[in-house]
Amino acid sequence: MRILFIGDIFGRPGRTIVKDRLPGIMRDQSIDLVIANGENAAAGFGITPALAEELFDLSIDVITTGNHIWDKREIIDYFQVIDGNGRGPQRRVLRPANYPPDMPGWGVYQGTKAKISYAVVNLQGRVFMGSNDDPFRVADQILSKIEAKVILVDFHAEATSEKVSLGWHLAGRVTAVIGTHTHVPTADERVLPGGTAYITDVGMSGPYDGVIGVKKELVVGKFLSGMPVRFEPATGDVRLCAVVIDCDEKTGKARSIERLMLS
């Protein structure tokens, strides 16, 4: 099974390059399953139901998120609209599983693609971020209930040490641990012992002529003045960042992970 994970889709520039480049990537890389972090799809902050559906129409199978999931309030109602089986398409938009259990939405999605069962787990870090349940122990609890062999974890976290630690904690137990949130791709992709693909941060799919997606003059001005400012997405030097993971669908063990950056 070949899996494409697309890094944080930031605003219209990110959505546009994903729309333009995704069909070619899927064809050239023989992709079976597509996962994307979409928490910044709505002008850089949050995601709306309409944009989630737009991304699903591009052949993205599951959308993960992170700390910006609540920036657009309408996503709460989207989480609550489910079909009679409890598996409406909106279950394919995840929020971190280690949020309080009574919050709207789900942190795990289990599905089937090309007759292969898979699971996607969304977790958020605690170092330099909001207070949530322990992602390490929540991951253990989730894995004890998942029967699928192919399991991908989006770890939306700030600290490199926390991300690397979770990678080692889950090594040999999941197919991949993919870091998101910092919008800066790291060059440490590898397959850990036991067959777990790992990267500290897959990077952002959006405008790089700015400061992690935002117009640079706004962020620089904020640092200089200390005054609050309304952030707006940058527009130039748009790139798509992703990783391609090749795994054995029978065991869930990763064979390789390849980093992509396309302009």
C-alpha atoms as a PDB file:
ATOM      1  CA  MET A   1       0.000   0.000   0.000  1.00  0.00           C
ATOM      2  CA  ARG A   2       1.303   3.443  -0.912  1.00  0.00           C
ATOM      3  CA  ILE A   3       0.147   6.344   1.225  1.00  0.00           C
ATOM      4  CA  LEU A   4       0.451  10.080   0.596  1.00  0.00           C
ATOM      5  CA  PHE A   5       0.379  12.424   3.591  1.00  0.00           C
ATOM      6  CA  ILE A   6       0.053  16.111   2.666  1.00  0.00           C
ATOM      7  CA  GLY A   7       1.361  18.680   5.150  1.00  0.00           C
ATOM      8  CA  ASP A   8      -0.721  21.531   6.616  1.00  0.00           C
ATOM      9  CA  ILE A   9      -2.819  23.015   3.795  1.00  0.00           C
ATOM     10  CA  PHE A  10      -2.662  26.781   4.325  1.00  0.00           C
ATOM     11  CA  GLY A  11      -5.400  28.980   2.870  1.00  0.00           C
ATOM     12  CA  ARG A  12      -6.372  29.350  -0.775  1.00  0.00           C
ATOM     13  CA  PRO A  13      -2.746  29.058  -2.025  1.00  0.00           C
ATOM     14  CA  GLY A  14      -2.419  25.678  -0.302  1.00  0.00           C
ATOM     15  CA  ARG A  15      -5.764  24.441  -1.557  1.00  0.00           C
ATOM     16  CA  THR A  16      -4.946  25.529  -5.100  1.00  0.00           C
ATOM     17  CA  ILE A  17      -1.587  23.789  -5.323  1.00  0.00           C
ATOM     18  CA  VAL A  18      -3.053  20.609  -3.852  1.00  0.00           C
ATOM     19  CA  LYS A  19      -5.804  20.717  -6.472  1.00  0.00           C
ATOM     20  CA  ASP A  20      -3.248  21.276  -9.241  1.00  0.00           C
ATOM     21  CA  ARG A  21      -0.607  18.776  -8.216  1.00  0.00           C
ATOM     22  CA  LEU A  22      -2.454  15.962  -6.425  1.00  0.00           C
ATOM     23  CA  PRO A  23      -3.688  14.086  -9.544  1.00  0.00           C
ATOM     24  CA  GLY A  24      -0.154  13.898 -10.947  1.00  0.00           C
ATOM     25  CA  ILE A  25       1.330  12.764  -7.636  1.00  0.00           C
ATOM     26  CA  MET A  26      -1.270  10.043  -7.270  1.00  0.00           C
ATOM     27  CA  ARG A  27      -0.588   8.824 -10.797  1.00  0.00           C
ATOM     28  CA  ASP A  28       3.209   9.021 -10.725  1.00  0.00           C
ATOM     29  CA  GLN A  29       3.565   7.584  -7.207  1.00  0.00           C
ATOM     30  CA  SER A  30       0.805   4.941  -7.548  1.00  0.00           C
ATOM     31  CA  ILE A  31      -0.928   6.279  -4.430  1.00  0.00           C
ATOM     32  CA  ASP A  32      -3.650   4.185  -2.775  1.00  0.00           C
ATOM     33  CA  LEU A  33      -4.565   6.355   0.224  1.00  0.00           C
ATOM     34  CA  VAL A  34      -4.411  10.159   0.702  1.00  0.00           C
ATOM     35  CA  ILE A  35      -4.382  11.896   4.076  1.00  0.00           C
ATOM     36  CA  ALA A  36      -3.958  15.645   4.591  1.00  0.00           C
ATOM     37  CA  ASN A  37      -3.770  18.028   7.507  1.00  0.00           C
ATOM     38  CA  GLY A  38      -6.371  20.696   6.753  1.00  0.00           C
ATOM     39  CA  GLU A  39      -6.625  22.736   9.943  1.00  0.00           C
ATOM     40  CA  ASN A  40      -5.422  25.909   8.186  1.00  0.00           C
ATOM     41  CA  ALA A  41      -7.436  25.513   4.982  1.00  0.00           C
ATOM     42  CA  ALA A  42      -9.729  28.494   5.719  1.00  0.00           C
ATOM     43  CA  ALA A  43      -7.499  31.543   5.116  1.00  0.00           C
ATOM     44  CA  GLY A  44      -4.856  30.033   7.386  1.00  0.00           C
ATOM     45  CA  PHE A  45      -7.033  29.520  10.433  1.00  0.00           C
ATOM     46  CA  GLY A  46      -9.447  26.611  10.806  1.00  0.00           C
ATOM     47  CA  ILE A  47     -11.524  24.696   8.293  1.00  0.00           C
ATOM     48  CA  THR A  48     -15.165  25.014   7.236  1.00  0.00           C
ATOM     49  CA  PRO A  49     -17.560  22.237   6.177  1.00  0.00           C
ATOM     50  CA  ALA A  50     -17.536  23.544   2.594  1.00  0.00           C
ATOM     51  CA  LEU A  51     -13.742  23.453   2.418  1.00  0.00           C
ATOM     52  CA  ALA A  52     -13.638  19.973   3.945  1.00  0.00           C
ATOM     53  CA  GLU A  53     -15.987  18.755   1.219  1.00  0.00           C
ATOM     54  CA  GLU A  54     -13.858  20.542  -1.385  1.00  0.00           C
ATOM     55  CA  LEU A  55     -10.783  18.649  -0.193  1.00  0.00           C
ATOM     56  CA  PHE A  56     -12.643  15.345  -0.159  1.00  0.00           C
ATOM     57  CA  ASP A  57     -13.634  15.986  -3.782  1.00  0.00           C
ATOM     58  CA  LEU A  58      -9.907  16.101  -4.635  1.00  0.00           C
ATOM     59  CA  SER A  59      -9.579  12.412  -3.605  1.00  0.00           C
ATOM     60  CA  ILE A  60      -8.339  13.118  -0.091  1.00  0.00           C
ATOM     61  CA  ASP A  61      -9.601  10.285   2.108  1.00  0.00           C
ATOM     62  CA  VAL A  62      -9.054  11.643   5.633  1.00  0.00           C
ATOM     63  CA  ILE A  63      -8.431  15.176   6.954  1.00  0.00           C
ATOM     64  CA  THR A  64      -6.497  15.649  10.192  1.00  0.00           C
ATOM     65  CA  THR A  65      -6.275  18.900  12.151  1.00  0.00           C
ATOM     66  CA  GLY A  66      -4.798  20.361  15.334  1.00  0.00           C
ATOM     67  CA  ASN A  67      -4.961  23.408  17.577  1.00  0.00           C
ATOM     68  CA  HIS A  68      -6.809  25.556  14.999  1.00  0.00           C
ATOM     69  CA  ILE A  69      -9.717  23.141  14.608  1.00  0.00           C
ATOM     70  CA  TRP A  70     -12.159  25.417  16.493  1.00  0.00           C
ATOM     71  CA  ASP A  71     -11.249  28.653  14.672  1.00  0.00           C
ATOM     72  CA  LYS A  72     -14.327  28.316  12.449  1.00  0.00           C
ATOM     73  CA  ARG A  73     -17.308  27.613  14.653  1.00  0.00           C
ATOM     74  CA  GLU A  74     -19.379  25.978  11.922  1.00  0.00           C
ATOM     75  CA  ILE A  75     -17.108  22.940  12.046  1.00  0.00           C
ATOM     76  CA  ILE A  76     -18.750  22.045  15.376  1.00  0.00           C
ATOM     77  CA  ASP A  77     -22.133  21.583  13.707  1.00  0.00           C
ATOM     78  CA  TYR A  78     -20.442  19.624  10.921  1.00  0.00           C
ATOM     79  CA  PHE A  79     -19.108  17.154  13.480  1.00  0.00           C
ATOM     80  CA  GLN A  80     -22.583  16.632  14.877  1.00  0.00           C
ATOM     81  CA  VAL A  81     -24.298  15.764  11.579  1.00  0.00           C
ATOM     82  CA  ILE A  82     -23.901  12.007  11.079  1.00  0.00           C
ATOM     83  CA  ASP A  83     -25.809   9.366   9.169  1.00  0.00           C
ATOM     84  CA  GLY A  84     -27.797   6.519  10.717  1.00  0.00           C
ATOM     85  CA  ASN A  85     -24.717   4.311  10.972  1.00  0.00           C
ATOM     86  CA  GLY A  86     -22.702   7.007  12.699  1.00  0.00           C
ATOM     87  CA  ARG A  87     -20.249   7.118   9.796  1.00  0.00           C
ATOM     88  CA  GLY A  88     -21.119  10.170   7.750  1.00  0.00           C
ATOM     89  CA  PRO A  89     -18.361  11.731   5.635  1.00  0.00           C
ATOM     90  CA  GLN A  90     -17.727  14.286   8.362  1.00  0.00           C
ATOM     91  CA  ARG A  91     -16.210  11.531  10.531  1.00  0.00           C
ATOM     92  CA  ARG A  92     -13.305  11.706   8.117  1.00  0.00           C
ATOM     93  CA  VAL A  93     -12.403  15.131   9.546  1.00  0.00           C
ATOM     94  CA  LEU A  94     -10.495  14.478  12.752  1.00  0.00           C
ATOM     95  CA  ARG A  95      -9.604  16.592  15.743  1.00  0.00           C
ATOM     96  CA  PRO A  96      -6.890  15.480  18.188  1.00  0.00           C
ATOM     97  CA  ALA A  97      -7.944  12.346  20.081  1.00  0.00           C
ATOM     98  CA  ASN A  98      -6.376  13.549  23.336  1.00  0.00           C
ATOM     99  CA  TYR A  99      -8.799  16.459  23.648  1.00  0.00           C
ATOM    100  CA  PRO A 100     -11.380  16.033  26.446  1.00  0.00           C
ATOM    101  CA  PRO A 101     -13.687  13.155  25.460  1.00  0.00           C
ATOM    102  CA  ASP A 102     -16.886  15.244  25.627  1.00  0.00           C
ATOM    103  CA  MET A 103     -15.687  17.654  22.923  1.00  0.00           C
ATOM    104  CA  PRO A 104     -17.329  17.435  19.471  1.00  0.00           C
ATOM    105  CA  GLY A 105     -15.761  15.233  16.845  1.00  0.00           C
ATOM    106  CA  TRP A 106     -13.523  12.202  16.745  1.00  0.00           C
ATOM    107  CA  GLY A 107      -9.797  11.622  16.942  1.00  0.00           C
ATOM    108  CA  VAL A 108      -9.660   8.277  15.112  1.00  0.00           C
ATOM    109  CA  TYR A 109     -10.992   7.142  11.758  1.00  0.00           C
ATOM    110  CA  GLN A 110     -11.062   3.520  10.630  1.00  0.00           C
ATOM    111  CA  GLY A 111     -11.831   2.785   7.004  1.00  0.00           C
ATOM    112  CA  THR A 112     -11.125   0.558   4.032  1.00  0.00           C
ATOM    113  CA  LYS A 113      -9.358   1.508   0.807  1.00  0.00           C
ATOM    114  CA  ALA A 114      -8.556  -0.896  -2.030  1.00  0.00           C
ATOM    115  CA  LYS A 115      -9.928  -3.651   0.240  1.00  0.00           C
ATOM    116  CA  ILE A 116      -7.290  -2.800   2.854  1.00  0.00           C
ATOM    117  CA  SER A 117      -8.336  -1.809   6.380  1.00  0.00           C
ATOM    118  CA  TYR A 118      -6.561   1.211   7.800  1.00  0.00           C
ATOM    119  CA  ALA A 119      -6.783   3.643  10.702  1.00  0.00           C
ATOM    120  CA  VAL A 120      -5.778   7.285  11.087  1.00  0.00           C
ATOM    121  CA  VAL A 121      -5.081   8.698  14.557  1.00  0.00           C
ATOM    122  CA  ASN A 122      -4.833  12.439  15.285  1.00  0.00           C
ATOM    123  CA  LEU A 123      -2.941  13.552  18.412  1.00  0.00           C
ATOM    124  CA  GLN A 124      -1.717  16.908  19.724  1.00  0.00           C
ATOM    125  CA  GLY A 125       1.391  17.636  21.753  1.00  0.00           C
ATOM    126  CA  ARG A 126       1.512  19.321  25.145  1.00  0.00           C
ATOM    127  CA  VAL A 127       4.923  21.048  25.119  1.00  0.00           C
ATOM    128  CA  PHE A 128       4.460  24.787  24.301  1.00  0.00           C
ATOM    129  CA  MET A 129       0.802  24.048  23.460  1.00  0.00           C
ATOM    130  CA  GLY A 130      -2.554  23.895  25.240  1.00  0.00           C
ATOM    131  CA  SER A 131      -3.241  21.495  28.080  1.00  0.00           C
ATOM    132  CA  ASN A 132      -4.612  18.198  26.789  1.00  0.00           C
ATOM    133  CA  ASP A 133      -4.543  14.594  27.893  1.00  0.00           C
ATOM    134  CA  ASP A 134      -1.225  12.761  27.626  1.00  0.00           C
ATOM    135  CA  PRO A 135      -0.802  11.838  23.916  1.00  0.00           C
ATOM    136  CA  PHE A 136       1.457   8.897  24.800  1.00  0.00           C
ATOM    137  CA  ARG A 137      -1.084   7.163  27.020  1.00  0.00           C
ATOM    138  CA  VAL A 138      -4.010   8.086  24.776  1.00  0.00           C
ATOM    139  CA  ALA A 139      -2.126   6.513  21.863  1.00  0.00           C
ATOM    140  CA  ASP A 140      -1.696   3.325  23.888  1.00  0.00           C
ATOM    141  CA  GLN A 141      -5.414   3.230  24.687  1.00  0.00           C
ATOM    142  CA  ILE A 142      -6.382   3.768  21.043  1.00  0.00           C
ATOM    143  CA  LEU A 143      -4.005   1.127  19.687  1.00  0.00           C
ATOM    144  CA  SER A 144      -5.440  -1.470  22.071  1.00  0.00           C
ATOM    145  CA  LYS A 145      -8.786  -1.105  20.263  1.00  0.00           C
ATOM    146  CA  ILE A 146      -7.677  -0.937  16.614  1.00  0.00           C
ATOM    147  CA  GLU A 147      -7.625  -4.130  14.577  1.00  0.00           C
ATOM    148  CA  ALA A 148      -6.274  -2.644  11.322  1.00  0.00           C
ATOM    149  CA  LYS A 149      -2.616  -3.278  10.546  1.00  0.00           C
ATOM    150  CA  VAL A 150      -2.066  -0.063   8.583  1.00  0.00           C
ATOM    151  CA  ILE A 151      -2.134   2.764  11.155  1.00  0.00           C
ATOM    152  CA  LEU A 152      -1.004   6.347  10.568  1.00  0.00           C
ATOM    153  CA  VAL A 153      -0.569   8.891  13.350  1.00  0.00           C
ATOM    154  CA  ASP A 154      -0.602  12.660  12.758  1.00  0.00           C
ATOM    155  CA  PHE A 155       1.179  14.151  15.765  1.00  0.00           C
ATOM    156  CA  HIS A 156       0.413  17.877  15.739  1.00  0.00           C
ATOM    157  CA  ALA A 157       3.065  19.236  18.084  1.00  0.00           C
ATOM    158  CA  GLU A 158       5.550  22.063  18.576  1.00  0.00           C
ATOM    159  CA  ALA A 159       8.563  20.486  20.268  1.00  0.00           C
ATOM    160  CA  THR A 160      10.900  18.294  18.245  1.00  0.00           C
ATOM    161  CA  SER A 161      11.809  16.260  21.329  1.00  0.00           C
ATOM    162  CA  GLU A 162       8.159  15.413  22.008  1.00  0.00           C
ATOM    163  CA  LYS A 163       7.620  14.336  18.406  1.00  0.00           C
ATOM    164  CA  VAL A 164      10.737  12.171  18.275  1.00  0.00           C
ATOM    165  CA  SER A 165       9.813  10.624  21.622  1.00  0.00           C
ATOM    166  CA  LEU A 166       6.354   9.630  20.412  1.00  0.00           C
ATOM    167  CA  GLY A 167       7.950   8.164  17.307  1.00  0.00           C
ATOM    168  CA  TRP A 168      10.114   5.904  19.440  1.00  0.00           C
ATOM    169  CA  HIS A 169       7.210   5.130  21.779  1.00  0.00           C
ATOM    170  CA  LEU A 170       5.123   3.858  18.849  1.00  0.00           C
ATOM    171  CA  ALA A 171       7.977   2.295  16.863  1.00  0.00           C
ATOM    172  CA  GLY A 172       6.966  -1.135  15.626  1.00  0.00           C
ATOM    173  CA  ARG A 173       3.324  -0.592  16.589  1.00  0.00           C
ATOM    174  CA  VAL A 174       2.099   1.761  13.842  1.00  0.00           C
ATOM    175  CA  THR A 175       2.859   2.239  10.164  1.00  0.00           C
ATOM    176  CA  ALA A 176       3.865   5.885  10.466  1.00  0.00           C
ATOM    177  CA  VAL A 177       4.184   8.805  12.861  1.00  0.00           C
ATOM    178  CA  ILE A 178       3.964  12.032  10.870  1.00  0.00           C
ATOM    179  CA  GLY A 179       4.671  15.366  12.566  1.00  0.00           C
ATOM    180  CA  THR A 180       2.702  18.487  11.667  1.00  0.00           C
ATOM    181  CA  HIS A 181       2.131  22.029  13.046  1.00  0.00           C
ATOM    182  CA  THR A 182       5.413  23.941  12.627  1.00  0.00           C
ATOM    183  CA  HIS A 183       4.954  24.455   8.846  1.00  0.00           C
ATOM    184  CA  VAL A 184       8.684  23.876   8.333  1.00  0.00           C
ATOM    185  CA  PRO A 185       9.690  20.562   6.698  1.00  0.00           C
ATOM    186  CA  THR A 186      12.417  18.573   8.421  1.00  0.00           C
ATOM    187  CA  ALA A 187      14.981  16.352   6.703  1.00  0.00           C
ATOM    188  CA  ASP A 188      14.887  13.464   9.196  1.00  0.00           C
ATOM    189  CA  GLU A 189      12.539  11.061   7.424  1.00  0.00           C
ATOM    190  CA  ARG A 190      13.416   7.446   8.196  1.00  0.00           C
ATOM    191  CA  VAL A 191      11.976   4.049   9.013  1.00  0.00           C
ATOM    192  CA  LEU A 192      12.384   3.254  12.701  1.00  0.00           C
ATOM    193  CA  PRO A 193      13.097  -0.282  13.948  1.00  0.00           C
ATOM    194  CA  GLY A 194       9.988  -2.407  13.717  1.00  0.00           C
ATOM    195  CA  GLY A 195       8.803  -0.763  10.502  1.00  0.00           C
ATOM    196  CA  THR A 196       7.454   2.650  11.556  1.00  0.00           C
ATOM    197  CA  ALA A 197       7.987   5.510   9.090  1.00  0.00           C
ATOM    198  CA  TYR A 198       8.792   8.780  10.854  1.00  0.00           C
ATOM    199  CA  ILE A 199       9.336  12.478  10.122  1.00  0.00           C
ATOM    200  CA  THR A 200       9.395  15.298  12.668  1.00  0.00           C
ATOM    201  CA  ASP A 201       7.450  17.684  10.425  1.00  0.00           C
ATOM    202  CA  VAL A 202       6.172  17.114   6.906  1.00  0.00           C
ATOM    203  CA  GLY A 203       5.980  20.879   6.310  1.00  0.00           C
ATOM    204  CA  MET A 204       3.318  23.228   4.988  1.00  0.00           C
ATOM    205  CA  SER A 205       1.448  23.155   1.697  1.00  0.00           C
ATOM    206  CA  GLY A 206       1.057  26.851   1.052  1.00  0.00           C
ATOM    207  CA  PRO A 207       2.934  30.151   0.521  1.00  0.00           C
ATOM    208  CA  TYR A 208       6.593  30.170   1.567  1.00  0.00           C
ATOM    209  CA  ASP A 209       7.116  33.871   0.755  1.00  0.00           C
ATOM    210  CA  GLY A 210       6.031  34.755   4.264  1.00  0.00           C
ATOM    211  CA  VAL A 211       6.340  33.635   7.881  1.00  0.00           C
ATOM    212  CA  ILE A 212       4.921  30.100   8.177  1.00  0.00           C
ATOM    213  CA  GLY A 213       2.187  31.081   5.714  1.00  0.00           C
ATOM    214  CA  VAL A 214       1.389  34.630   6.886  1.00  0.00           C
ATOM    215  CA  LYS A 215       2.386  37.850   5.079  1.00  0.00           C
ATOM    216  CA  LYS A 216       5.890  38.566   6.302  1.00  0.00           C
ATOM    217  CA  GLU A 217       5.421  42.314   6.782  1.00  0.00           C
ATOM    218  CA  LEU A 218       2.599  41.660   9.241  1.00  0.00           C
ATOM    219  CA  VAL A 219       4.566  39.216  11.367  1.00  0.00           C
ATOM    220  CA  VAL A 220       7.796  41.251  11.255  1.00  0.00           C
ATOM    221  CA  GLY A 221       5.807  44.342  12.208  1.00  0.00           C
ATOM    222  CA  LYS A 222       4.290  42.525  15.166  1.00  0.00           C
ATOM    223  CA  PHE A 223       7.732  41.524  16.412  1.00  0.00           C
ATOM    224  CA  LEU A 224       8.974  45.097  16.039  1.00  0.00           C
ATOM    225  CA  SER A 225       6.011  46.890  17.600  1.00  0.00           C
ATOM    226  CA  GLY A 226       4.582  44.328  19.994  1.00  0.00           C
ATOM    227  CA  MET A 227       1.116  45.406  18.879  1.00  0.00           C
ATOM    228  CA  PRO A 228      -1.599  42.946  17.895  1.00  0.00           C
ATOM    229  CA  VAL A 229      -2.224  42.545  14.174  1.00  0.00           C
ATOM    230  CA  ARG A 230      -4.728  40.689  12.006  1.00  0.00           C
ATOM    231  CA  PHE A 231      -2.828  37.990  10.140  1.00  0.00           C
ATOM    232  CA  GLU A 232      -3.445  37.431   6.431  1.00  0.00           C
ATOM    233  CA  PRO A 233      -2.152  34.572   4.254  1.00  0.00           C
ATOM    234  CA  ALA A 234       0.866  35.248   2.056  1.00  0.00           C
ATOM    235  CA  THR A 235       0.556  34.459  -1.651  1.00  0.00           C
ATOM    236  CA  GLY A 236       3.996  33.881  -3.194  1.00  0.00           C
ATOM    237  CA  ASP A 237       6.342  30.910  -3.590  1.00  0.00           C
ATOM    238  CA  VAL A 238       3.615  28.314  -3.107  1.00  0.00           C
ATOM    239  CA  ARG A 239       4.819  24.761  -2.459  1.00  0.00           C
ATOM    240  CA  LEU A 240       3.237  21.420  -1.667  1.00  0.00           C
ATOM    241  CA  CYS A 241       4.968  19.418   1.055  1.00  0.00           C
ATOM    242  CA  ALA A 242       4.156  15.766   1.577  1.00  0.00           C
ATOM    243  CA  VAL A 243       5.590  12.329   2.258  1.00  0.00           C
ATOM    244  CA  VAL A 244       4.994   9.072   0.419  1.00  0.00           C
ATOM    245  CA  ILE A 245       4.990   5.960   2.607  1.00  0.00           C
ATOM    246  CA  ASP A 246       5.252   2.480   1.151  1.00  0.00           C
ATOM    247  CA  CYS A 247       4.103  -0.276   3.482  1.00  0.00           C
ATOM    248  CA  ASP A 248       3.221  -3.954   3.597  1.00  0.00           C
ATOM    249  CA  GLU A 249      -0.577  -3.960   3.825  1.00  0.00           C
ATOM    250  CA  LYS A 250      -0.595  -7.384   5.514  1.00  0.00           C
ATOM    251  CA  THR A 251       1.682  -6.433   8.398  1.00  0.00           C
ATOM    252  CA  GLY A 252       1.374  -2.644   8.392  1.00  0.00           C
ATOM    253  CA  LYS A 253       5.165  -2.339   8.440  1.00  0.00           C
ATOM    254  CA  ALA A 254       6.620   0.591   6.499  1.00  0.00           C
ATOM    255  CA  ARG A 255       9.250  -0.174   3.874  1.00  0.00           C
ATOM    256  CA  SER A 256      10.151   3.402   2.975  1.00  0.00           C
ATOM    257  CA  ILE A 257       9.260   7.073   3.419  1.00  0.00           C
ATOM    258  CA  GLU A 258      10.043   9.715   0.798  1.00  0.00           C
ATOM    259  CA  ARG A 259       9.815  13.476   1.311  1.00  0.00           C
ATOM    260  CA  LEU A 260       8.278  15.647  -1.435  1.00  0.00           C
ATOM    261  CA  MET A 261       8.374  19.417  -1.991  1.00  0.00           C
ATOM    262  CA  LEU A 262       6.723  20.583  -5.214  1.00  0.00           C
ATOM    263  CA  SER A 263       6.289  24.124  -6.498  1.00  0.00           C
END
